Amino acid sequence: MSTYIVNPIVVRMEESAKGSIYQSIIAMGMRARQINDQIKTQISERMADVIVDTDESEGPNLDQIAISKEFDVIPKPTFLAMKEMLEGQIHVKEPVVQEASAE
């Protein structure tokens, strides 16, 4: 478990003590998607700056490889979302259900 940012078992234990673990999983999943979208946007912006040659006979583009290696070091969005949940940066709120009044 030392290779992971957070231990999933610890997340489950803490969230089950707070409330519904299913709501926490959904919240972490939604946050992981947001993080993934942010990473995709960042890499797209960085790759747009790199000049792309249509002639592939010259070999690989070293700038693109360098940018890819930078983003390979970033942990998975799921683990980042789990870490944020453990640090209290993600808050789960139940939607308020309004009861229909009978008239």
PDB file of N, CA and C in Angstrom:
ATOM      1  N   MET A   1       0.812  -1.207   0.000  1.00  0.00           N
ATOM      2  CA  MET A   1       0.000   0.000   0.000  1.00  0.00           C
ATOM      3  C   MET A   1       0.847   1.260   0.000  1.00  0.00           C
ATOM      4  N   SER A   2       2.140   1.129   0.140  1.00  0.00           N
ATOM      5  CA  SER A   2       2.989   2.311   0.224  1.00  0.00           C
ATOM      6  C   SER A   2       3.077   3.068  -1.092  1.00  0.00           C
ATOM      7  N   THR A   3       2.721   2.443  -2.210  1.00  0.00           N
ATOM      8  CA  THR A   3       2.800   3.123  -3.500  1.00  0.00           C
ATOM      9  C   THR A   3       1.625   4.058  -3.721  1.00  0.00           C
ATOM     10  N   TYR A   4       0.571   3.922  -2.948  1.00  0.00           N
ATOM     11  CA  TYR A   4      -0.603   4.760  -3.112  1.00  0.00           C
ATOM     12  C   TYR A   4      -0.512   5.997  -2.228  1.00  0.00           C
ATOM     13  N   ILE A   5      -1.190   7.046  -2.652  1.00  0.00           N
ATOM     14  CA  ILE A   5      -1.216   8.278  -1.872  1.00  0.00           C
ATOM     15  C   ILE A   5      -2.004   8.076  -0.590  1.00  0.00           C
ATOM     16  N   VAL A   6      -3.120   7.402  -0.706  1.00  0.00           N
ATOM     17  CA  VAL A   6      -3.958   7.132   0.460  1.00  0.00           C
ATOM     18  C   VAL A   6      -4.315   5.656   0.481  1.00  0.00           C
ATOM     19  N   ASN A   7      -4.610   5.185   1.636  1.00  0.00           N
ATOM     20  CA  ASN A   7      -5.004   3.802   1.807  1.00  0.00           C
ATOM     21  C   ASN A   7      -6.528   3.725   1.679  1.00  0.00           C
ATOM     22  N   PRO A   8      -7.052   2.997   0.672  1.00  0.00           N
ATOM     23  CA  PRO A   8      -8.505   2.923   0.485  1.00  0.00           C
ATOM     24  C   PRO A   8      -9.252   2.383   1.699  1.00  0.00           C
ATOM     25  N   ILE A   9      -8.614   1.528   2.469  1.00  0.00           N
ATOM     26  CA  ILE A   9      -9.273   0.976   3.654  1.00  0.00           C
ATOM     27  C   ILE A   9      -9.493   2.065   4.691  1.00  0.00           C
ATOM     28  N   VAL A  10      -8.526   2.945   4.842  1.00  0.00           N
ATOM     29  CA  VAL A  10      -8.658   4.057   5.785  1.00  0.00           C
ATOM     30  C   VAL A  10      -9.792   4.983   5.343  1.00  0.00           C
ATOM     31  N   VAL A  11      -9.871   5.239   4.039  1.00  0.00           N
ATOM     32  CA  VAL A  11     -10.957   6.072   3.513  1.00  0.00           C
ATOM     33  C   VAL A  11     -12.299   5.456   3.859  1.00  0.00           C
ATOM     34  N   ARG A  12     -12.424   4.176   3.652  1.00  0.00           N
ATOM     35  CA  ARG A  12     -13.697   3.499   3.931  1.00  0.00           C
ATOM     36  C   ARG A  12     -14.040   3.559   5.416  1.00  0.00           C
ATOM     37  N   MET A  13     -13.070   3.356   6.263  1.00  0.00           N
ATOM     38  CA  MET A  13     -13.334   3.385   7.702  1.00  0.00           C
ATOM     39  C   MET A  13     -13.760   4.776   8.148  1.00  0.00           C
ATOM     40  N   GLU A  14     -13.076   5.804   7.675  1.00  0.00           N
ATOM     41  CA  GLU A  14     -13.417   7.168   8.085  1.00  0.00           C
ATOM     42  C   GLU A  14     -14.783   7.583   7.546  1.00  0.00           C
ATOM     43  N   GLU A  15     -15.058   7.255   6.300  1.00  0.00           N
ATOM     44  CA  GLU A  15     -16.326   7.668   5.711  1.00  0.00           C
ATOM     45  C   GLU A  15     -17.502   6.885   6.270  1.00  0.00           C
ATOM     46  N   SER A  16     -17.297   5.629   6.616  1.00  0.00           N
ATOM     47  CA  SER A  16     -18.407   4.882   7.206  1.00  0.00           C
ATOM     48  C   SER A  16     -18.741   5.425   8.592  1.00  0.00           C
ATOM     49  N   ALA A  17     -17.750   5.998   9.254  1.00  0.00           N
ATOM     50  CA  ALA A  17     -18.005   6.615  10.562  1.00  0.00           C
ATOM     51  C   ALA A  17     -18.769   7.926  10.403  1.00  0.00           C
ATOM     52  N   LYS A  18     -18.563   8.625   9.288  1.00  0.00           N
ATOM     53  CA  LYS A  18     -19.219   9.916   9.057  1.00  0.00           C
ATOM     54  C   LYS A  18     -20.634   9.764   8.525  1.00  0.00           C
ATOM     55  N   GLY A  19     -20.880   8.767   7.714  1.00  0.00           N
ATOM     56  CA  GLY A  19     -22.196   8.630   7.095  1.00  0.00           C
ATOM     57  C   GLY A  19     -22.159   7.581   6.003  1.00  0.00           C
ATOM     58  N   SER A  20     -22.861   7.845   4.939  1.00  0.00           N
ATOM     59  CA  SER A  20     -22.977   6.886   3.850  1.00  0.00           C
ATOM     60  C   SER A  20     -21.708   6.861   3.013  1.00  0.00           C
ATOM     61  N   ILE A  21     -21.110   5.687   2.929  1.00  0.00           N
ATOM     62  CA  ILE A  21     -19.895   5.552   2.125  1.00  0.00           C
ATOM     63  C   ILE A  21     -20.223   5.668   0.634  1.00  0.00           C
ATOM     64  N   TYR A  22     -21.440   5.316   0.257  1.00  0.00           N
ATOM     65  CA  TYR A  22     -21.834   5.394  -1.154  1.00  0.00           C
ATOM     66  C   TYR A  22     -21.856   6.846  -1.641  1.00  0.00           C
ATOM     67  N   GLN A  23     -22.328   7.748  -0.799  1.00  0.00           N
ATOM     68  CA  GLN A  23     -22.306   9.171  -1.162  1.00  0.00           C
ATOM     69  C   GLN A  23     -20.871   9.662  -1.299  1.00  0.00           C
ATOM     70  N   SER A  24     -20.009   9.189  -0.434  1.00  0.00           N
ATOM     71  CA  SER A  24     -18.601   9.583  -0.499  1.00  0.00           C
ATOM     72  C   SER A  24     -17.953   9.067  -1.779  1.00  0.00           C
ATOM     73  N   ILE A  25     -18.281   7.845  -2.162  1.00  0.00           N
ATOM     74  CA  ILE A  25     -17.728   7.270  -3.394  1.00  0.00           C
ATOM     75  C   ILE A  25     -18.190   8.073  -4.597  1.00  0.00           C
ATOM     76  N   ILE A  26     -19.457   8.451  -4.624  1.00  0.00           N
ATOM     77  CA  ILE A  26     -19.977   9.251  -5.732  1.00  0.00           C
ATOM     78  C   ILE A  26     -19.289  10.612  -5.765  1.00  0.00           C
ATOM     79  N   ALA A  27     -19.122  11.230  -4.600  1.00  0.00           N
ATOM     80  CA  ALA A  27     -18.463  12.537  -4.539  1.00  0.00           C
ATOM     81  C   ALA A  27     -17.013  12.434  -5.006  1.00  0.00           C
ATOM     82  N   MET A  28     -16.310  11.389  -4.581  1.00  0.00           N
ATOM     83  CA  MET A  28     -14.928  11.216  -5.012  1.00  0.00           C
ATOM     84  C   MET A  28     -14.847  10.938  -6.513  1.00  0.00           C
ATOM     85  N   GLY A  29     -15.808  10.183  -7.041  1.00  0.00           N
ATOM     86  CA  GLY A  29     -15.840   9.911  -8.474  1.00  0.00           C
ATOM     87  C   GLY A  29     -16.055  11.182  -9.286  1.00  0.00           C
ATOM     88  N   MET A  30     -16.967  12.019  -8.816  1.00  0.00           N
ATOM     89  CA  MET A  30     -17.223  13.285  -9.520  1.00  0.00           C
ATOM     90  C   MET A  30     -15.996  14.187  -9.460  1.00  0.00           C
ATOM     91  N   ARG A  31     -15.336  14.223  -8.302  1.00  0.00           N
ATOM     92  CA  ARG A  31     -14.136  15.050  -8.173  1.00  0.00           C
ATOM     93  C   ARG A  31     -13.004  14.500  -9.045  1.00  0.00           C
ATOM     94  N   ALA A  32     -12.881  13.174  -9.124  1.00  0.00           N
ATOM     95  CA  ALA A  32     -11.849  12.562  -9.955  1.00  0.00           C
ATOM     96  C   ALA A  32     -12.059  12.931 -11.430  1.00  0.00           C
ATOM     97  N   ARG A  33     -13.313  12.981 -11.864  1.00  0.00           N
ATOM     98  CA  ARG A  33     -13.600  13.401 -13.248  1.00  0.00           C
ATOM     99  C   ARG A  33     -13.189  14.850 -13.477  1.00  0.00           C
ATOM    100  N   GLN A  34     -13.455  15.715 -12.489  1.00  0.00           N
ATOM    101  CA  GLN A  34     -13.045  17.115 -12.610  1.00  0.00           C
ATOM    102  C   GLN A  34     -11.522  17.228 -12.706  1.00  0.00           C
ATOM    103  N   ILE A  35     -10.815  16.487 -11.868  1.00  0.00           N
ATOM    104  CA  ILE A  35      -9.355  16.515 -11.894  1.00  0.00           C
ATOM    105  C   ILE A  35      -8.843  16.007 -13.231  1.00  0.00           C
ATOM    106  N   ASN A  36      -9.432  14.921 -13.725  1.00  0.00           N
ATOM    107  CA  ASN A  36      -9.031  14.355 -15.016  1.00  0.00           C
ATOM    108  C   ASN A  36      -9.229  15.369 -16.142  1.00  0.00           C
ATOM    109  N   ASP A  37     -10.359  16.069 -16.121  1.00  0.00           N
ATOM    110  CA  ASP A  37     -10.616  17.091 -17.141  1.00  0.00           C
ATOM    111  C   ASP A  37      -9.593  18.222 -17.063  1.00  0.00           C
ATOM    112  N   GLN A  38      -9.217  18.617 -15.847  1.00  0.00           N
ATOM    113  CA  GLN A  38      -8.209  19.665 -15.675  1.00  0.00           C
ATOM    114  C   GLN A  38      -6.861  19.216 -16.232  1.00  0.00           C
ATOM    115  N   ILE A  39      -6.483  17.978 -15.971  1.00  0.00           N
ATOM    116  CA  ILE A  39      -5.214  17.455 -16.472  1.00  0.00           C
ATOM    117  C   ILE A  39      -5.225  17.395 -17.992  1.00  0.00           C
ATOM    118  N   LYS A  40      -6.351  16.939 -18.563  1.00  0.00           N
ATOM    119  CA  LYS A  40      -6.465  16.876 -20.026  1.00  0.00           C
ATOM    120  C   LYS A  40      -6.336  18.264 -20.648  1.00  0.00           C
ATOM    121  N   THR A  41      -6.955  19.243 -20.021  1.00  0.00           N
ATOM    122  CA  THR A  41      -6.875  20.612 -20.529  1.00  0.00           C
ATOM    123  C   THR A  41      -5.441  21.124 -20.468  1.00  0.00           C
ATOM    124  N   GLN A  42      -4.774  20.872 -19.362  1.00  0.00           N
ATOM    125  CA  GLN A  42      -3.393  21.325 -19.210  1.00  0.00           C
ATOM    126  C   GLN A  42      -2.476  20.681 -20.243  1.00  0.00           C
ATOM    127  N   ILE A  43      -2.615  19.384 -20.457  1.00  0.00           N
ATOM    128  CA  ILE A  43      -1.735  18.712 -21.410  1.00  0.00           C
ATOM    129  C   ILE A  43      -2.045  19.149 -22.837  1.00  0.00           C
ATOM    130  N   SER A  44      -3.314  19.408 -23.127  1.00  0.00           N
ATOM    131  CA  SER A  44      -3.677  19.895 -24.457  1.00  0.00           C
ATOM    132  C   SER A  44      -3.083  21.270 -24.723  1.00  0.00           C
ATOM    133  N   GLU A  45      -3.128  22.133 -23.721  1.00  0.00           N
ATOM    134  CA  GLU A  45      -2.554  23.469 -23.861  1.00  0.00           C
ATOM    135  C   GLU A  45      -1.042  23.402 -24.057  1.00  0.00           C
ATOM    136  N   ARG A  46      -0.395  22.534 -23.298  1.00  0.00           N
ATOM    137  CA  ARG A  46       1.062  22.398 -23.431  1.00  0.00           C
ATOM    138  C   ARG A  46       1.446  21.804 -24.778  1.00  0.00           C
ATOM    139  N   MET A  47       0.679  20.816 -25.259  1.00  0.00           N
ATOM    140  CA  MET A  47       0.984  20.174 -26.539  1.00  0.00           C
ATOM    141  C   MET A  47       0.700  21.108 -27.711  1.00  0.00           C
ATOM    142  N   ALA A  48      -0.223  22.039 -27.543  1.00  0.00           N
ATOM    143  CA  ALA A  48      -0.540  22.980 -28.617  1.00  0.00           C
ATOM    144  C   ALA A  48       0.641  23.908 -28.896  1.00  0.00           C
ATOM    145  N   ASP A  49       1.451  24.157 -27.877  1.00  0.00           N
ATOM    146  CA  ASP A  49       2.609  25.026 -28.044  1.00  0.00           C
ATOM    147  C   ASP A  49       3.744  24.345 -28.810  1.00  0.00           C
ATOM    148  N   VAL A  50       3.725  23.008 -28.833  1.00  0.00           N
ATOM    149  CA  VAL A  50       4.788  22.254 -29.495  1.00  0.00           C
ATOM    150  C   VAL A  50       4.498  22.199 -30.995  1.00  0.00           C
ATOM    151  N   ILE A  51       5.496  22.496 -31.771  1.00  0.00           N
ATOM    152  CA  ILE A  51       5.341  22.450 -33.230  1.00  0.00           C
ATOM    153  C   ILE A  51       5.348  20.986 -33.656  1.00  0.00           C
ATOM    154  N   VAL A  52       4.313  20.606 -34.398  1.00  0.00           N
ATOM    155  CA  VAL A  52       4.185  19.229 -34.857  1.00  0.00           C
ATOM    156  C   VAL A  52       4.568  19.171 -36.330  1.00  0.00           C
ATOM    157  N   ASP A  53       5.554  18.355 -36.631  1.00  0.00           N
ATOM    158  CA  ASP A  53       5.954  18.149 -38.023  1.00  0.00           C
ATOM    159  C   ASP A  53       5.166  16.977 -38.587  1.00  0.00           C
ATOM    160  N   THR A  54       4.698  17.128 -39.823  1.00  0.00           N
ATOM    161  CA  THR A  54       3.952  16.044 -40.461  1.00  0.00           C
ATOM    162  C   THR A  54       4.893  14.964 -40.966  1.00  0.00           C
ATOM    163  N   ASP A  55       6.176  15.279 -41.104  1.00  0.00           N
ATOM    164  CA  ASP A  55       7.160  14.320 -41.572  1.00  0.00           C
ATOM    165  C   ASP A  55       7.666  13.513 -40.376  1.00  0.00           C
ATOM    166  N   GLU A  56       7.264  12.261 -40.276  1.00  0.00           N
ATOM    167  CA  GLU A  56       7.629  11.432 -39.132  1.00  0.00           C
ATOM    168  C   GLU A  56       8.956  10.711 -39.334  1.00  0.00           C
ATOM    169  N   SER A  57       9.590  10.903 -40.483  1.00  0.00           N
ATOM    170  CA  SER A  57      10.841  10.209 -40.748  1.00  0.00           C
ATOM    171  C   SER A  57      11.993  10.766 -39.912  1.00  0.00           C
ATOM    172  N   GLU A  58      11.829  11.937 -39.346  1.00  0.00           N
ATOM    173  CA  GLU A  58      12.872  12.549 -38.540  1.00  0.00           C
ATOM    174  C   GLU A  58      13.002  11.893 -37.170  1.00  0.00           C
ATOM    175  N   GLY A  59      12.017  11.191 -36.739  1.00  0.00           N
ATOM    176  CA  GLY A  59      12.055  10.556 -35.424  1.00  0.00           C
ATOM    177  C   GLY A  59      11.038  11.186 -34.502  1.00  0.00           C
ATOM    178  N   PRO A  60      11.031  10.747 -33.244  1.00  0.00           N
ATOM    179  CA  PRO A  60      10.037  11.271 -32.285  1.00  0.00           C
ATOM    180  C   PRO A  60      10.314  12.726 -31.931  1.00  0.00           C
ATOM    181  N   ASN A  61       9.250  13.430 -31.599  1.00  0.00           N
ATOM    182  CA  ASN A  61       9.352  14.821 -31.169  1.00  0.00           C
ATOM    183  C   ASN A  61       9.754  14.832 -29.692  1.00  0.00           C
ATOM    184  N   LEU A  62      10.941  15.308 -29.402  1.00  0.00           N
ATOM    185  CA  LEU A  62      11.463  15.264 -28.036  1.00  0.00           C
ATOM    186  C   LEU A  62      10.705  16.182 -27.093  1.00  0.00           C
ATOM    187  N   ASP A  63      10.155  17.279 -27.611  1.00  0.00           N
ATOM    188  CA  ASP A  63       9.360  18.173 -26.757  1.00  0.00           C
ATOM    189  C   ASP A  63       8.090  17.483 -26.281  1.00  0.00           C
ATOM    190  N   GLN A  64       7.436  16.764 -27.185  1.00  0.00           N
ATOM    191  CA  GLN A  64       6.218  16.047 -26.811  1.00  0.00           C
ATOM    192  C   GLN A  64       6.529  14.950 -25.787  1.00  0.00           C
ATOM    193  N   ILE A  65       7.634  14.280 -25.968  1.00  0.00           N
ATOM    194  CA  ILE A  65       8.021  13.222 -25.027  1.00  0.00           C
ATOM    195  C   ILE A  65       8.299  13.822 -23.650  1.00  0.00           C
ATOM    196  N   ALA A  66       8.965  14.953 -23.604  1.00  0.00           N
ATOM    197  CA  ALA A  66       9.263  15.608 -22.325  1.00  0.00           C
ATOM    198  C   ALA A  66       7.981  16.021 -21.607  1.00  0.00           C
ATOM    199  N   ILE A  67       7.034  16.572 -22.350  1.00  0.00           N
ATOM    200  CA  ILE A  67       5.754  16.975 -21.752  1.00  0.00           C
ATOM    201  C   ILE A  67       4.996  15.753 -21.244  1.00  0.00           C
ATOM    202  N   SER A  68       5.004  14.676 -22.024  1.00  0.00           N
ATOM    203  CA  SER A  68       4.323  13.450 -21.606  1.00  0.00           C
ATOM    204  C   SER A  68       4.922  12.895 -20.323  1.00  0.00           C
ATOM    205  N   LYS A  69       6.240  12.948 -20.203  1.00  0.00           N
ATOM    206  CA  LYS A  69       6.893  12.439 -18.995  1.00  0.00           C
ATOM    207  C   LYS A  69       6.535  13.284 -17.774  1.00  0.00           C
ATOM    208  N   GLU A  70       6.369  14.579 -17.969  1.00  0.00           N
ATOM    209  CA  GLU A  70       5.952  15.438 -16.855  1.00  0.00           C
ATOM    210  C   GLU A  70       4.584  15.025 -16.326  1.00  0.00           C
ATOM    211  N   PHE A  71       3.667  14.718 -17.233  1.00  0.00           N
ATOM    212  CA  PHE A  71       2.306  14.367 -16.826  1.00  0.00           C
ATOM    213  C   PHE A  71       2.192  12.919 -16.366  1.00  0.00           C
ATOM    214  N   ASP A  72       3.156  12.076 -16.716  1.00  0.00           N
ATOM    215  CA  ASP A  72       3.143  10.697 -16.239  1.00  0.00           C
ATOM    216  C   ASP A  72       3.417  10.609 -14.744  1.00  0.00           C
ATOM    217  N   VAL A  73       4.080  11.606 -14.197  1.00  0.00           N
ATOM    218  CA  VAL A  73       4.437  11.609 -12.779  1.00  0.00           C
ATOM    219  C   VAL A  73       3.228  11.939 -11.907  1.00  0.00           C
ATOM    220  N   ILE A  74       2.249  12.631 -12.457  1.00  0.00           N
ATOM    221  CA  ILE A  74       1.062  13.029 -11.694  1.00  0.00           C
ATOM    222  C   ILE A  74       0.286  11.780 -11.266  1.00  0.00           C
ATOM    223  N   PRO A  75      -0.103  11.704  -9.995  1.00  0.00           N
ATOM    224  CA  PRO A  75      -0.886  10.545  -9.545  1.00  0.00           C
ATOM    225  C   PRO A  75      -2.247  10.486 -10.248  1.00  0.00           C
ATOM    226  N   LYS A  76      -2.856   9.334 -10.184  1.00  0.00           N
ATOM    227  CA  LYS A  76      -4.164   9.122 -10.800  1.00  0.00           C
ATOM    228  C   LYS A  76      -5.204  10.036 -10.158  1.00  0.00           C
ATOM    229  N   PRO A  77      -6.158  10.538 -10.954  1.00  0.00           N
ATOM    230  CA  PRO A  77      -7.198  11.420 -10.416  1.00  0.00           C
ATOM    231  C   PRO A  77      -8.000  10.800  -9.271  1.00  0.00           C
ATOM    232  N   THR A  78      -8.201   9.487  -9.324  1.00  0.00           N
ATOM    233  CA  THR A  78      -8.952   8.814  -8.261  1.00  0.00           C
ATOM    234  C   THR A  78      -8.232   8.949  -6.928  1.00  0.00           C
ATOM    235  N   PHE A  79      -6.916   8.760  -6.934  1.00  0.00           N
ATOM    236  CA  PHE A  79      -6.168   8.863  -5.688  1.00  0.00           C
ATOM    237  C   PHE A  79      -6.099  10.303  -5.201  1.00  0.00           C
ATOM    238  N   LEU A  80      -6.025  11.245  -6.116  1.00  0.00           N
ATOM    239  CA  LEU A  80      -6.047  12.656  -5.712  1.00  0.00           C
ATOM    240  C   LEU A  80      -7.386  13.005  -5.061  1.00  0.00           C
ATOM    241  N   ALA A  81      -8.481  12.495  -5.621  1.00  0.00           N
ATOM    242  CA  ALA A  81      -9.808  12.749  -5.050  1.00  0.00           C
ATOM    243  C   ALA A  81      -9.934  12.101  -3.668  1.00  0.00           C
ATOM    244  N   MET A  82      -9.385  10.896  -3.518  1.00  0.00           N
ATOM    245  CA  MET A  82      -9.428  10.225  -2.218  1.00  0.00           C
ATOM    246  C   MET A  82      -8.635  11.019  -1.183  1.00  0.00           C
ATOM    247  N   LYS A  83      -7.490  11.538  -1.586  1.00  0.00           N
ATOM    248  CA  LYS A  83      -6.666  12.333  -0.680  1.00  0.00           C
ATOM    249  C   LYS A  83      -7.400  13.602  -0.263  1.00  0.00           C
ATOM    250  N   GLU A  84      -8.055  14.253  -1.226  1.00  0.00           N
ATOM    251  CA  GLU A  84      -8.829  15.454  -0.910  1.00  0.00           C
ATOM    252  C   GLU A  84      -9.955  15.137   0.067  1.00  0.00           C
ATOM    253  N   MET A  85     -10.579  13.985  -0.099  1.00  0.00           N
ATOM    254  CA  MET A  85     -11.658  13.583   0.812  1.00  0.00           C
ATOM    255  C   MET A  85     -11.107  13.383   2.226  1.00  0.00           C
ATOM    256  N   LEU A  86      -9.958  12.747   2.332  1.00  0.00           N
ATOM    257  CA  LEU A  86      -9.360  12.520   3.647  1.00  0.00           C
ATOM    258  C   LEU A  86      -8.938  13.818   4.312  1.00  0.00           C
ATOM    259  N   GLU A  87      -8.478  14.777   3.520  1.00  0.00           N
ATOM    260  CA  GLU A  87      -8.035  16.053   4.066  1.00  0.00           C
ATOM    261  C   GLU A  87      -9.199  17.000   4.346  1.00  0.00           C
ATOM    262  N   GLY A  88     -10.410  16.574   4.026  1.00  0.00           N
ATOM    263  CA  GLY A  88     -11.585  17.389   4.312  1.00  0.00           C
ATOM    264  C   GLY A  88     -11.844  18.477   3.295  1.00  0.00           C
ATOM    265  N   GLN A  89     -11.259  18.365   2.113  1.00  0.00           N
ATOM    266  CA  GLN A  89     -11.462  19.366   1.075  1.00  0.00           C
ATOM    267  C   GLN A  89     -12.736  19.115   0.273  1.00  0.00           C
ATOM    268  N   ILE A  90     -13.288  17.908   0.369  1.00  0.00           N
ATOM    269  CA  ILE A  90     -14.532  17.566  -0.320  1.00  0.00           C
ATOM    270  C   ILE A  90     -15.594  17.358   0.748  1.00  0.00           C
ATOM    271  N   HIS A  91     -16.714  18.023   0.572  1.00  0.00           N
ATOM    272  CA  HIS A  91     -17.807  17.897   1.522  1.00  0.00           C
ATOM    273  C   HIS A  91     -19.022  17.318   0.808  1.00  0.00           C
ATOM    274  N   VAL A  92     -19.639  16.328   1.429  1.00  0.00           N
ATOM    275  CA  VAL A  92     -20.810  15.672   0.853  1.00  0.00           C
ATOM    276  C   VAL A  92     -22.048  16.205   1.552  1.00  0.00           C
ATOM    277  N   LYS A  93     -22.969  16.719   0.760  1.00  0.00           N
ATOM    278  CA  LYS A  93     -24.233  17.207   1.311  1.00  0.00           C
ATOM    279  C   LYS A  93     -25.380  16.465   0.652  1.00  0.00           C
ATOM    280  N   GLU A  94     -26.330  16.089   1.463  1.00  0.00           N
ATOM    281  CA  GLU A  94     -27.520  15.442   0.921  1.00  0.00           C
ATOM    282  C   GLU A  94     -28.440  16.505   0.350  1.00  0.00           C
ATOM    283  N   PRO A  95     -29.020  16.212  -0.819  1.00  0.00           N
ATOM    284  CA  PRO A  95     -29.972  17.200  -1.358  1.00  0.00           C
ATOM    285  C   PRO A  95     -31.209  17.297  -0.485  1.00  0.00           C
ATOM    286  N   VAL A  96     -31.711  18.495  -0.358  1.00  0.00           N
ATOM    287  CA  VAL A  96     -32.900  18.716   0.451  1.00  0.00           C
ATOM    288  C   VAL A  96     -34.126  18.373  -0.387  1.00  0.00           C
ATOM    289  N   VAL A  97     -34.929  17.465   0.132  1.00  0.00           N
ATOM    290  CA  VAL A  97     -36.135  17.033  -0.577  1.00  0.00           C
ATOM    291  C   VAL A  97     -37.324  17.785   0.020  1.00  0.00           C
ATOM    292  N   GLN A  98     -38.017  18.508  -0.838  1.00  0.00           N
ATOM    293  CA  GLN A  98     -39.192  19.230  -0.373  1.00  0.00           C
ATOM    294  C   GLN A  98     -40.407  18.341  -0.536  1.00  0.00           C
ATOM    295  N   GLU A  99     -41.162  18.275   0.526  1.00  0.00           N
ATOM    296  CA  GLU A  99     -42.363  17.442   0.496  1.00  0.00           C
ATOM    297  C   GLU A  99     -43.485  18.203  -0.183  1.00  0.00           C
ATOM    298  N   ALA A 100     -44.208  17.506  -1.021  1.00  0.00           N
ATOM    299  CA  ALA A 100     -45.345  18.129  -1.706  1.00  0.00           C
ATOM    300  C   ALA A 100     -46.497  18.287  -0.733  1.00  0.00           C
ATOM    301  N   SER A 101     -47.060  19.473  -0.694  1.00  0.00           N
ATOM    302  CA  SER A 101     -48.175  19.702   0.217  1.00  0.00           C
ATOM    303  C   SER A 101     -49.478  19.253  -0.465  1.00  0.00           C
ATOM    304  N   ALA A 102     -50.292  18.562   0.296  1.00  0.00           N
ATOM    305  CA  ALA A 102     -51.567  18.061  -0.226  1.00  0.00           C
ATOM    306  C   ALA A 102     -52.633  19.142  -0.017  1.00  0.00           C
ATOM    307  N   GLU A 103     -53.217  19.573  -1.100  1.00  0.00           N
ATOM    308  CA  GLU A 103     -54.278  20.584  -0.985  1.00  0.00           C
ATOM    309  C   GLU A 103     -55.565  20.070  -1.507  1.00  0.00           C
TER     310      GLU A 103
END
